Amino acid sequence: MLAHSDQWLNSLLIQQGLSEHTVLAYKQDLETLEQYMKQSKVSLEKIDEDQLLLFSIHLSQKGDSKRTIARRLSCLRKFFAWLFEEKHIRQNPAELLDTPKLPLYLPEVLSLEEVQKLLSAPDTSTKLGQRDLAMLHLLYASGLRVSELIHVKATDIDFERGIIRVFGKGKKERLIPVHSLALKILSDYLQNTRIQFIKSSDTDDELFLNRSGKKLTRQGIWKLIKRYAQLASIHAIISPHTLRHSFATHLLEGGADLRTVQILLGHSDLAATELYTHICQGKIQEIYAHAHPRCYEHSTK
């Protein structure tokens, strides 16, 4: 491993609270740089901006995607900034390192009609259907990541205030309002259904449990949503994140401001939220066409 890299990775895990998955990805990025440095016979102390530029070209030549290269370079910027701050190196060679421009991938978004079909798909005559109805409503009402959903506890929901407490990336807490219909469905599930999934006194205390009385997994929720999409005759390939994308897009289309949506989603960077404005562009043009007086005047001629 590169000198001081273990110390940096541990600080990300312990002090900054990043997930093990994220830290492992950073470790792999540093290992990729280490392999390149061995081939180039350059030390960490002597690596400069030109060497890092050559490294990014090397990544491209070996077939890494722009997204992968961007992630690796982002890791290096953070690592070298830390090395410089801790005085392990005299200059930061990654300070001016550019990130390749990524193509814009717009996420899949459901229409309001498709959302309604999906929410109506569970068979509420069964305990599984009642659980899944509550889960789908909460996902669309709050825009939670699936990794956040599986850790929600019953005590995280404040029914009087109409909010849910969530711990997002980096274990950052945020409070999200939940509308009355979703709260009613969640209340019914908690009072009448969840107890049917509890197998023992030491069962998981997460909100949504599986048949074994353990918390639902990411994979389990993904499979459930895929099955309900098929039942609802939704032909797009969707995932739990699709409901999060739909939540954000529908809020913006309804008039919510970008900063509010950023807070609700738990985005640390507003640029991540701005992606949804591209999805709303068609809706904006439609509103413009109906609202602008010159458009109306032209259509009546």
C-alpha atoms as a PDB file:
ATOM      1  CA  MET A   1       0.000   0.000   0.000  1.00  0.00           C
ATOM      2  CA  LEU A   2       1.006   3.629  -0.540  1.00  0.00           C
ATOM      3  CA  ALA A   3       2.632   5.325   2.442  1.00  0.00           C
ATOM      4  CA  HIS A   4       0.090   6.787   4.896  1.00  0.00           C
ATOM      5  CA  SER A   5      -2.847   5.399   2.884  1.00  0.00           C
ATOM      6  CA  ASP A   6      -4.016   3.109   5.713  1.00  0.00           C
ATOM      7  CA  GLN A   7      -4.076   6.072   8.085  1.00  0.00           C
ATOM      8  CA  TRP A   8      -6.121   8.135   5.609  1.00  0.00           C
ATOM      9  CA  LEU A   9      -8.600   5.327   4.927  1.00  0.00           C
ATOM     10  CA  ASN A  10      -9.078   4.741   8.658  1.00  0.00           C
ATOM     11  CA  SER A  11      -9.802   8.443   9.150  1.00  0.00           C
ATOM     12  CA  LEU A  12     -12.502   8.253   6.463  1.00  0.00           C
ATOM     13  CA  LEU A  13     -14.094   5.288   8.183  1.00  0.00           C
ATOM     14  CA  ILE A  14     -13.848   6.430  11.805  1.00  0.00           C
ATOM     15  CA  GLN A  15     -13.760  10.233  11.773  1.00  0.00           C
ATOM     16  CA  GLN A  16     -15.845  11.023   8.696  1.00  0.00           C
ATOM     17  CA  GLY A  17     -18.196   8.057   9.036  1.00  0.00           C
ATOM     18  CA  LEU A  18     -17.999   6.931   5.398  1.00  0.00           C
ATOM     19  CA  SER A  19     -19.342   3.479   4.624  1.00  0.00           C
ATOM     20  CA  GLU A  20     -17.060   0.460   4.355  1.00  0.00           C
ATOM     21  CA  HIS A  21     -18.120   0.120   0.710  1.00  0.00           C
ATOM     22  CA  THR A  22     -16.937   3.677  -0.089  1.00  0.00           C
ATOM     23  CA  VAL A  23     -13.657   3.246   1.781  1.00  0.00           C
ATOM     24  CA  LEU A  24     -13.006  -0.046  -0.025  1.00  0.00           C
ATOM     25  CA  ALA A  25     -13.537   1.711  -3.369  1.00  0.00           C
ATOM     26  CA  TYR A  26     -11.009   4.391  -2.363  1.00  0.00           C
ATOM     27  CA  LYS A  27      -8.555   1.677  -1.344  1.00  0.00           C
ATOM     28  CA  GLN A  28      -8.865   0.079  -4.788  1.00  0.00           C
ATOM     29  CA  ASP A  29      -8.308   3.473  -6.439  1.00  0.00           C
ATOM     30  CA  LEU A  30      -5.095   3.979  -4.445  1.00  0.00           C
ATOM     31  CA  GLU A  31      -3.937   0.464  -5.312  1.00  0.00           C
ATOM     32  CA  THR A  32      -4.432   1.309  -9.000  1.00  0.00           C
ATOM     33  CA  LEU A  33      -2.225   4.390  -8.588  1.00  0.00           C
ATOM     34  CA  GLU A  34       0.360   2.354  -6.673  1.00  0.00           C
ATOM     35  CA  GLN A  35       0.605  -0.168  -9.521  1.00  0.00           C
ATOM     36  CA  TYR A  36       1.087   2.663 -12.014  1.00  0.00           C
ATOM     37  CA  MET A  37       3.779   4.281  -9.845  1.00  0.00           C
ATOM     38  CA  LYS A  38       5.712   1.008  -9.639  1.00  0.00           C
ATOM     39  CA  GLN A  39       5.620   0.691 -13.422  1.00  0.00           C
ATOM     40  CA  SER A  40       6.732   4.318 -13.810  1.00  0.00           C
ATOM     41  CA  LYS A  41       9.306   4.043 -11.008  1.00  0.00           C
ATOM     42  CA  VAL A  42       8.115   7.196  -9.258  1.00  0.00           C
ATOM     43  CA  SER A  43       7.791   7.682  -5.497  1.00  0.00           C
ATOM     44  CA  LEU A  44       4.887   9.256  -3.624  1.00  0.00           C
ATOM     45  CA  GLU A  45       7.069  12.149  -2.499  1.00  0.00           C
ATOM     46  CA  LYS A  46       8.180  12.976  -6.054  1.00  0.00           C
ATOM     47  CA  ILE A  47       4.936  12.450  -7.959  1.00  0.00           C
ATOM     48  CA  ASP A  48       3.822  15.667  -9.670  1.00  0.00           C
ATOM     49  CA  GLU A  49       0.910  17.063 -11.663  1.00  0.00           C
ATOM     50  CA  ASP A  50       2.317  15.768 -14.952  1.00  0.00           C
ATOM     51  CA  GLN A  51       2.610  12.237 -13.543  1.00  0.00           C
ATOM     52  CA  LEU A  52      -1.016  12.350 -12.421  1.00  0.00           C
ATOM     53  CA  LEU A  53      -2.055  13.573 -15.864  1.00  0.00           C
ATOM     54  CA  LEU A  54      -0.180  10.654 -17.416  1.00  0.00           C
ATOM     55  CA  PHE A  55      -1.917   8.378 -14.906  1.00  0.00           C
ATOM     56  CA  SER A  56      -5.342   9.585 -16.065  1.00  0.00           C
ATOM     57  CA  ILE A  57      -4.302   8.982 -19.698  1.00  0.00           C
ATOM     58  CA  HIS A  58      -3.115   5.508 -18.665  1.00  0.00           C
ATOM     59  CA  LEU A  59      -6.549   4.782 -17.161  1.00  0.00           C
ATOM     60  CA  SER A  60      -8.261   5.839 -20.368  1.00  0.00           C
ATOM     61  CA  GLN A  61      -5.918   3.746 -22.526  1.00  0.00           C
ATOM     62  CA  LYS A  62      -6.555   0.622 -20.471  1.00  0.00           C
ATOM     63  CA  GLY A  63     -10.292   1.009 -21.006  1.00  0.00           C
ATOM     64  CA  ASP A  64     -11.643   2.612 -17.816  1.00  0.00           C
ATOM     65  CA  SER A  65     -14.880   4.521 -18.361  1.00  0.00           C
ATOM     66  CA  LYS A  66     -15.037   8.274 -17.828  1.00  0.00           C
ATOM     67  CA  ARG A  67     -17.108   7.667 -14.702  1.00  0.00           C
ATOM     68  CA  THR A  68     -14.485   5.303 -13.255  1.00  0.00           C
ATOM     69  CA  ILE A  69     -11.655   7.715 -14.101  1.00  0.00           C
ATOM     70  CA  ALA A  70     -13.552  10.592 -12.502  1.00  0.00           C
ATOM     71  CA  ARG A  71     -14.026   8.567  -9.325  1.00  0.00           C
ATOM     72  CA  ARG A  72     -10.349   7.588  -9.180  1.00  0.00           C
ATOM     73  CA  LEU A  73      -9.177  11.173  -9.689  1.00  0.00           C
ATOM     74  CA  SER A  74     -11.628  12.407  -7.068  1.00  0.00           C
ATOM     75  CA  CYS A  75     -10.077   9.931  -4.628  1.00  0.00           C
ATOM     76  CA  LEU A  76      -6.578  11.166  -5.477  1.00  0.00           C
ATOM     77  CA  ARG A  77      -7.535  14.808  -4.958  1.00  0.00           C
ATOM     78  CA  LYS A  78      -8.820  13.988  -1.485  1.00  0.00           C
ATOM     79  CA  PHE A  79      -5.857  11.766  -0.627  1.00  0.00           C
ATOM     80  CA  PHE A  80      -3.183  14.259  -1.721  1.00  0.00           C
ATOM     81  CA  ALA A  81      -5.025  17.139  -0.053  1.00  0.00           C
ATOM     82  CA  TRP A  82      -4.898  15.149   3.201  1.00  0.00           C
ATOM     83  CA  LEU A  83      -1.202  14.290   2.714  1.00  0.00           C
ATOM     84  CA  PHE A  84      -0.423  17.977   2.197  1.00  0.00           C
ATOM     85  CA  GLU A  85      -2.535  19.072   5.178  1.00  0.00           C
ATOM     86  CA  GLU A  86      -0.804  16.508   7.405  1.00  0.00           C
ATOM     87  CA  LYS A  87       2.591  17.700   6.079  1.00  0.00           C
ATOM     88  CA  HIS A  88       3.510  14.305   4.613  1.00  0.00           C
ATOM     89  CA  ILE A  89       4.275  16.024   1.273  1.00  0.00           C
ATOM     90  CA  ARG A  90       5.536  19.543   0.507  1.00  0.00           C
ATOM     91  CA  GLN A  91       3.236  20.266  -2.425  1.00  0.00           C
ATOM     92  CA  ASN A  92      -0.165  18.989  -3.499  1.00  0.00           C
ATOM     93  CA  PRO A  93       0.227  17.635  -7.055  1.00  0.00           C
ATOM     94  CA  ALA A  94      -3.518  16.983  -7.425  1.00  0.00           C
ATOM     95  CA  GLU A  95      -4.656  20.517  -6.597  1.00  0.00           C
ATOM     96  CA  LEU A  96      -5.303  21.444 -10.232  1.00  0.00           C
ATOM     97  CA  LEU A  97      -6.136  17.961 -11.467  1.00  0.00           C
ATOM     98  CA  ASP A  98      -9.073  18.086 -13.893  1.00  0.00           C
ATOM     99  CA  THR A  99     -11.947  15.614 -13.912  1.00  0.00           C
ATOM    100  CA  PRO A 100     -13.113  14.281 -17.291  1.00  0.00           C
ATOM    101  CA  LYS A 101     -16.511  15.638 -18.321  1.00  0.00           C
ATOM    102  CA  LEU A 102     -19.107  12.952 -17.768  1.00  0.00           C
ATOM    103  CA  PRO A 103     -22.014  12.286 -20.125  1.00  0.00           C
ATOM    104  CA  LEU A 104     -25.370  13.250 -18.640  1.00  0.00           C
ATOM    105  CA  TYR A 105     -27.296  10.143 -17.647  1.00  0.00           C
ATOM    106  CA  LEU A 106     -30.862  11.056 -16.786  1.00  0.00           C
ATOM    107  CA  PRO A 107     -32.408   8.681 -14.266  1.00  0.00           C
ATOM    108  CA  GLU A 108     -35.574   6.758 -15.032  1.00  0.00           C
ATOM    109  CA  VAL A 109     -38.629   8.588 -13.706  1.00  0.00           C
ATOM    110  CA  LEU A 110     -42.185   7.292 -13.409  1.00  0.00           C
ATOM    111  CA  SER A 111     -45.187   9.355 -14.416  1.00  0.00           C
ATOM    112  CA  LEU A 112     -47.812  10.137 -11.788  1.00  0.00           C
ATOM    113  CA  GLU A 113     -50.058   7.514 -13.370  1.00  0.00           C
ATOM    114  CA  GLU A 114     -47.309   4.876 -13.187  1.00  0.00           C
ATOM    115  CA  VAL A 115     -46.622   5.726  -9.549  1.00  0.00           C
ATOM    116  CA  GLN A 116     -50.294   5.247  -8.750  1.00  0.00           C
ATOM    117  CA  LYS A 117     -50.296   1.870 -10.519  1.00  0.00           C
ATOM    118  CA  LEU A 118     -47.211   0.774  -8.590  1.00  0.00           C
ATOM    119  CA  LEU A 119     -48.665   1.867  -5.244  1.00  0.00           C
ATOM    120  CA  SER A 120     -51.863  -0.020  -6.028  1.00  0.00           C
ATOM    121  CA  ALA A 121     -50.085  -3.266  -6.977  1.00  0.00           C
ATOM    122  CA  PRO A 122     -49.663  -4.961  -3.538  1.00  0.00           C
ATOM    123  CA  ASP A 123     -52.426  -7.352  -2.448  1.00  0.00           C
ATOM    124  CA  THR A 124     -53.520  -5.789   0.826  1.00  0.00           C
ATOM    125  CA  SER A 125     -55.517  -8.859   1.837  1.00  0.00           C
ATOM    126  CA  THR A 126     -52.178 -10.431   2.862  1.00  0.00           C
ATOM    127  CA  LYS A 127     -49.656  -9.361   5.485  1.00  0.00           C
ATOM    128  CA  LEU A 128     -46.914  -9.200   2.835  1.00  0.00           C
ATOM    129  CA  GLY A 129     -49.048  -6.918   0.698  1.00  0.00           C
ATOM    130  CA  GLN A 130     -49.795  -4.657   3.663  1.00  0.00           C
ATOM    131  CA  ARG A 131     -46.084  -4.436   4.469  1.00  0.00           C
ATOM    132  CA  ASP A 132     -45.159  -3.714   0.863  1.00  0.00           C
ATOM    133  CA  LEU A 133     -47.887  -1.090   0.515  1.00  0.00           C
ATOM    134  CA  ALA A 134     -46.431   0.783   3.498  1.00  0.00           C
ATOM    135  CA  MET A 135     -42.909   0.404   2.133  1.00  0.00           C
ATOM    136  CA  LEU A 136     -43.761   1.720  -1.351  1.00  0.00           C
ATOM    137  CA  HIS A 137     -45.723   4.658   0.045  1.00  0.00           C
ATOM    138  CA  LEU A 138     -42.862   5.609   2.345  1.00  0.00           C
ATOM    139  CA  LEU A 139     -40.302   5.413  -0.474  1.00  0.00           C
ATOM    140  CA  TYR A 140     -42.330   7.709  -2.723  1.00  0.00           C
ATOM    141  CA  ALA A 141     -43.397  10.042   0.104  1.00  0.00           C
ATOM    142  CA  SER A 142     -39.859  10.612   1.382  1.00  0.00           C
ATOM    143  CA  GLY A 143     -37.374   9.947  -1.442  1.00  0.00           C
ATOM    144  CA  LEU A 144     -35.305   7.664   0.792  1.00  0.00           C
ATOM    145  CA  ARG A 145     -32.363   5.715  -0.539  1.00  0.00           C
ATOM    146  CA  VAL A 146     -32.928   1.985  -0.141  1.00  0.00           C
ATOM    147  CA  SER A 147     -29.850   1.859   2.107  1.00  0.00           C
ATOM    148  CA  GLU A 148     -31.639   4.343   4.384  1.00  0.00           C
ATOM    149  CA  LEU A 149     -34.992   2.586   4.222  1.00  0.00           C
ATOM    150  CA  ILE A 150     -33.700  -0.757   5.514  1.00  0.00           C
ATOM    151  CA  HIS A 151     -32.404   0.930   8.691  1.00  0.00           C
ATOM    152  CA  VAL A 152     -35.538   2.951   9.514  1.00  0.00           C
ATOM    153  CA  LYS A 153     -37.041   2.025  12.888  1.00  0.00           C
ATOM    154  CA  ALA A 154     -40.601   2.537  14.070  1.00  0.00           C
ATOM    155  CA  THR A 155     -39.294   5.029  16.630  1.00  0.00           C
ATOM    156  CA  ASP A 156     -37.841   7.163  13.807  1.00  0.00           C
ATOM    157  CA  ILE A 157     -41.349   8.172  12.699  1.00  0.00           C
ATOM    158  CA  ASP A 158     -42.972  11.089  14.527  1.00  0.00           C
ATOM    159  CA  PHE A 159     -46.644  10.698  13.650  1.00  0.00           C
ATOM    160  CA  GLU A 160     -47.698  13.863  15.509  1.00  0.00           C
ATOM    161  CA  ARG A 161     -45.281  16.120  13.645  1.00  0.00           C
ATOM    162  CA  GLY A 162     -45.487  14.146  10.393  1.00  0.00           C
ATOM    163  CA  ILE A 163     -41.744  13.644   9.966  1.00  0.00           C
ATOM    164  CA  ILE A 164     -39.280  10.770   9.742  1.00  0.00           C
ATOM    165  CA  ARG A 165     -35.696  10.793  11.007  1.00  0.00           C
ATOM    166  CA  VAL A 166     -33.142   9.325   8.605  1.00  0.00           C
ATOM    167  CA  PHE A 167     -29.403   8.753   8.756  1.00  0.00           C
ATOM    168  CA  GLY A 168     -27.921   9.185   5.291  1.00  0.00           C
ATOM    169  CA  LYS A 169     -24.430   9.041   3.828  1.00  0.00           C
ATOM    170  CA  GLY A 170     -21.731   9.752   6.368  1.00  0.00           C
ATOM    171  CA  LYS A 171     -24.318   9.034   9.090  1.00  0.00           C
ATOM    172  CA  LYS A 172     -25.730  12.541   8.636  1.00  0.00           C
ATOM    173  CA  GLU A 173     -29.148  12.953  10.206  1.00  0.00           C
ATOM    174  CA  ARG A 174     -31.983  14.656   8.367  1.00  0.00           C
ATOM    175  CA  LEU A 175     -35.698  15.104   9.054  1.00  0.00           C
ATOM    176  CA  ILE A 176     -38.113  14.525   6.175  1.00  0.00           C
ATOM    177  CA  PRO A 177     -41.813  15.443   6.156  1.00  0.00           C
ATOM    178  CA  VAL A 178     -44.203  12.622   5.243  1.00  0.00           C
ATOM    179  CA  HIS A 179     -47.708  13.322   3.941  1.00  0.00           C
ATOM    180  CA  SER A 180     -50.828  12.227   5.828  1.00  0.00           C
ATOM    181  CA  LEU A 181     -51.834   9.341   3.535  1.00  0.00           C
ATOM    182  CA  ALA A 182     -48.445   7.649   3.853  1.00  0.00           C
ATOM    183  CA  LEU A 183     -48.518   8.228   7.633  1.00  0.00           C
ATOM    184  CA  LYS A 184     -51.938   6.577   7.888  1.00  0.00           C
ATOM    185  CA  ILE A 185     -50.779   3.530   5.908  1.00  0.00           C
ATOM    186  CA  LEU A 186     -47.623   3.300   8.046  1.00  0.00           C
ATOM    187  CA  SER A 187     -49.676   3.590  11.227  1.00  0.00           C
ATOM    188  CA  ASP A 188     -52.019   0.803  10.103  1.00  0.00           C
ATOM    189  CA  TYR A 189     -49.001  -1.375   9.255  1.00  0.00           C
ATOM    190  CA  LEU A 190     -47.383  -0.762  12.645  1.00  0.00           C
ATOM    191  CA  GLN A 191     -50.562  -1.382  14.614  1.00  0.00           C
ATOM    192  CA  ASN A 192     -51.883  -4.398  12.751  1.00  0.00           C
ATOM    193  CA  THR A 193     -49.270  -6.016  10.497  1.00  0.00           C
ATOM    194  CA  ARG A 194     -45.697  -5.678  11.690  1.00  0.00           C
ATOM    195  CA  ILE A 195     -46.351  -7.800  14.761  1.00  0.00           C
ATOM    196  CA  GLN A 196     -47.146 -10.720  12.434  1.00  0.00           C
ATOM    197  CA  PHE A 197     -43.529 -10.683  11.189  1.00  0.00           C
ATOM    198  CA  ILE A 198     -41.948 -10.746  14.646  1.00  0.00           C
ATOM    199  CA  LYS A 199     -40.545 -14.188  15.429  1.00  0.00           C
ATOM    200  CA  SER A 200     -38.842 -13.646  18.794  1.00  0.00           C
ATOM    201  CA  SER A 201     -38.266 -11.066  21.507  1.00  0.00           C
ATOM    202  CA  ASP A 202     -34.780 -10.289  20.150  1.00  0.00           C
ATOM    203  CA  THR A 203     -35.975  -9.663  16.596  1.00  0.00           C
ATOM    204  CA  ASP A 204     -34.632  -6.798  14.531  1.00  0.00           C
ATOM    205  CA  ASP A 205     -36.297  -3.501  15.432  1.00  0.00           C
ATOM    206  CA  GLU A 206     -36.187  -2.116  11.899  1.00  0.00           C
ATOM    207  CA  LEU A 207     -39.507  -0.971  10.462  1.00  0.00           C
ATOM    208  CA  PHE A 208     -39.783  -3.490   7.634  1.00  0.00           C
ATOM    209  CA  LEU A 209     -39.147  -7.178   8.341  1.00  0.00           C
ATOM    210  CA  ASN A 210     -39.071 -10.259   6.124  1.00  0.00           C
ATOM    211  CA  ARG A 211     -40.768 -13.619   6.662  1.00  0.00           C
ATOM    212  CA  SER A 212     -37.973 -14.658   9.044  1.00  0.00           C
ATOM    213  CA  GLY A 213     -38.438 -11.612  11.254  1.00  0.00           C
ATOM    214  CA  LYS A 214     -35.193  -9.997  10.064  1.00  0.00           C
ATOM    215  CA  LYS A 215     -34.864  -6.637   8.343  1.00  0.00           C
ATOM    216  CA  LEU A 216     -35.435  -6.570   4.614  1.00  0.00           C
ATOM    217  CA  THR A 217     -32.293  -6.450   2.491  1.00  0.00           C
ATOM    218  CA  ARG A 218     -31.466  -4.144  -0.396  1.00  0.00           C
ATOM    219  CA  GLN A 219     -31.707  -7.085  -2.780  1.00  0.00           C
ATOM    220  CA  GLY A 220     -35.045  -8.148  -1.318  1.00  0.00           C
ATOM    221  CA  ILE A 221     -36.555  -4.696  -1.784  1.00  0.00           C
ATOM    222  CA  TRP A 222     -35.191  -4.476  -5.343  1.00  0.00           C
ATOM    223  CA  LYS A 223     -36.869  -7.786  -6.231  1.00  0.00           C
ATOM    224  CA  LEU A 224     -40.161  -6.698  -4.672  1.00  0.00           C
ATOM    225  CA  ILE A 225     -40.278  -3.454  -6.640  1.00  0.00           C
ATOM    226  CA  LYS A 226     -39.365  -5.241  -9.859  1.00  0.00           C
ATOM    227  CA  ARG A 227     -42.215  -7.726  -9.284  1.00  0.00           C
ATOM    228  CA  TYR A 228     -44.750  -4.994  -8.508  1.00  0.00           C
ATOM    229  CA  ALA A 229     -43.676  -3.063 -11.610  1.00  0.00           C
ATOM    230  CA  GLN A 230     -44.457  -6.152 -13.682  1.00  0.00           C
ATOM    231  CA  LEU A 231     -47.837  -6.561 -11.964  1.00  0.00           C
ATOM    232  CA  ALA A 232     -48.596  -2.899 -12.684  1.00  0.00           C
ATOM    233  CA  SER A 233     -47.610  -3.349 -16.367  1.00  0.00           C
ATOM    234  CA  ILE A 234     -44.812  -0.790 -16.051  1.00  0.00           C
ATOM    235  CA  HIS A 235     -42.373  -1.689 -18.817  1.00  0.00           C
ATOM    236  CA  ALA A 236     -39.464   0.527 -17.753  1.00  0.00           C
ATOM    237  CA  ILE A 237     -36.645  -1.158 -15.837  1.00  0.00           C
ATOM    238  CA  ILE A 238     -37.058   0.316 -12.372  1.00  0.00           C
ATOM    239  CA  SER A 239     -35.418  -0.014  -8.968  1.00  0.00           C
ATOM    240  CA  PRO A 240     -35.956   1.461  -5.494  1.00  0.00           C
ATOM    241  CA  HIS A 241     -33.968   4.484  -6.689  1.00  0.00           C
ATOM    242  CA  THR A 242     -36.582   5.084  -9.392  1.00  0.00           C
ATOM    243  CA  LEU A 243     -39.067   6.107  -6.710  1.00  0.00           C
ATOM    244  CA  ARG A 244     -36.442   8.465  -5.266  1.00  0.00           C
ATOM    245  CA  HIS A 245     -35.906  10.015  -8.713  1.00  0.00           C
ATOM    246  CA  SER A 246     -39.663  10.281  -9.230  1.00  0.00           C
ATOM    247  CA  PHE A 247     -40.109  11.897  -5.804  1.00  0.00           C
ATOM    248  CA  ALA A 248     -37.551  14.616  -6.627  1.00  0.00           C
ATOM    249  CA  THR A 249     -38.800  15.237 -10.155  1.00  0.00           C
ATOM    250  CA  HIS A 250     -42.458  15.463  -9.158  1.00  0.00           C
ATOM    251  CA  LEU A 251     -41.607  17.903  -6.344  1.00  0.00           C
ATOM    252  CA  LEU A 252     -39.771  20.192  -8.774  1.00  0.00           C
ATOM    253  CA  GLU A 253     -42.593  19.940 -11.298  1.00  0.00           C
ATOM    254  CA  GLY A 254     -44.996  20.876  -8.512  1.00  0.00           C
ATOM    255  CA  GLY A 255     -43.086  24.056  -7.765  1.00  0.00           C
ATOM    256  CA  ALA A 256     -40.610  23.050  -5.030  1.00  0.00           C
ATOM    257  CA  ASP A 257     -37.331  24.976  -5.097  1.00  0.00           C
ATOM    258  CA  LEU A 258     -34.040  23.226  -5.796  1.00  0.00           C
ATOM    259  CA  ARG A 259     -32.531  23.894  -2.365  1.00  0.00           C
ATOM    260  CA  THR A 260     -35.502  22.284  -0.584  1.00  0.00           C
ATOM    261  CA  VAL A 261     -35.271  19.178  -2.749  1.00  0.00           C
ATOM    262  CA  GLN A 262     -31.518  19.023  -2.083  1.00  0.00           C
ATOM    263  CA  ILE A 263     -32.169  18.992   1.681  1.00  0.00           C
ATOM    264  CA  LEU A 264     -34.892  16.344   1.392  1.00  0.00           C
ATOM    265  CA  LEU A 265     -32.676  14.070  -0.708  1.00  0.00           C
ATOM    266  CA  GLY A 266     -29.655  14.547   1.544  1.00  0.00           C
ATOM    267  CA  HIS A 267     -27.402  15.705  -1.300  1.00  0.00           C
ATOM    268  CA  SER A 268     -24.218  17.369  -0.057  1.00  0.00           C
ATOM    269  CA  ASP A 269     -23.693  18.982  -3.481  1.00  0.00           C
ATOM    270  CA  LEU A 270     -26.424  21.000  -5.193  1.00  0.00           C
ATOM    271  CA  ALA A 271     -25.067  19.833  -8.568  1.00  0.00           C
ATOM    272  CA  ALA A 272     -26.405  16.346  -7.810  1.00  0.00           C
ATOM    273  CA  THR A 273     -29.895  17.798  -7.361  1.00  0.00           C
ATOM    274  CA  GLU A 274     -29.644  19.992 -10.454  1.00  0.00           C
ATOM    275  CA  LEU A 275     -29.691  16.819 -12.540  1.00  0.00           C
ATOM    276  CA  TYR A 276     -33.448  16.674 -12.011  1.00  0.00           C
ATOM    277  CA  THR A 277     -33.961  20.051 -13.641  1.00  0.00           C
ATOM    278  CA  HIS A 278     -32.973  18.408 -16.939  1.00  0.00           C
ATOM    279  CA  ILE A 279     -35.772  15.883 -16.483  1.00  0.00           C
ATOM    280  CA  CYS A 280     -38.243  18.685 -15.800  1.00  0.00           C
ATOM    281  CA  GLN A 281     -37.243  20.580 -18.951  1.00  0.00           C
ATOM    282  CA  GLY A 282     -40.016  19.025 -21.042  1.00  0.00           C
ATOM    283  CA  LYS A 283     -42.601  19.988 -18.436  1.00  0.00           C
ATOM    284  CA  ILE A 284     -41.191  23.533 -18.301  1.00  0.00           C
ATOM    285  CA  GLN A 285     -41.469  23.868 -22.085  1.00  0.00           C
ATOM    286  CA  GLU A 286     -45.048  22.590 -21.959  1.00  0.00           C
ATOM    287  CA  ILE A 287     -45.988  25.140 -19.284  1.00  0.00           C
ATOM    288  CA  TYR A 288     -44.256  27.867 -21.296  1.00  0.00           C
ATOM    289  CA  ALA A 289     -46.175  26.949 -24.440  1.00  0.00           C
ATOM    290  CA  HIS A 290     -49.487  27.191 -22.586  1.00  0.00           C
ATOM    291  CA  ALA A 291     -48.659  30.274 -20.528  1.00  0.00           C
ATOM    292  CA  HIS A 292     -46.709  32.664 -22.760  1.00  0.00           C
ATOM    293  CA  PRO A 293     -49.083  35.179 -24.420  1.00  0.00           C
ATOM    294  CA  ARG A 294     -47.184  35.175 -27.712  1.00  0.00           C
ATOM    295  CA  CYS A 295     -47.468  31.379 -27.951  1.00  0.00           C
ATOM    296  CA  TYR A 296     -51.199  31.625 -27.306  1.00  0.00           C
ATOM    297  CA  GLU A 297     -51.598  34.456 -29.825  1.00  0.00           C
ATOM    298  CA  HIS A 298     -49.787  32.446 -32.501  1.00  0.00           C
ATOM    299  CA  SER A 299     -51.867  29.296 -31.895  1.00  0.00           C
ATOM    300  CA  THR A 300     -55.161  31.190 -32.366  1.00  0.00           C
ATOM    301  CA  LYS A 301     -54.242  32.579 -35.768  1.00  0.00           C
END
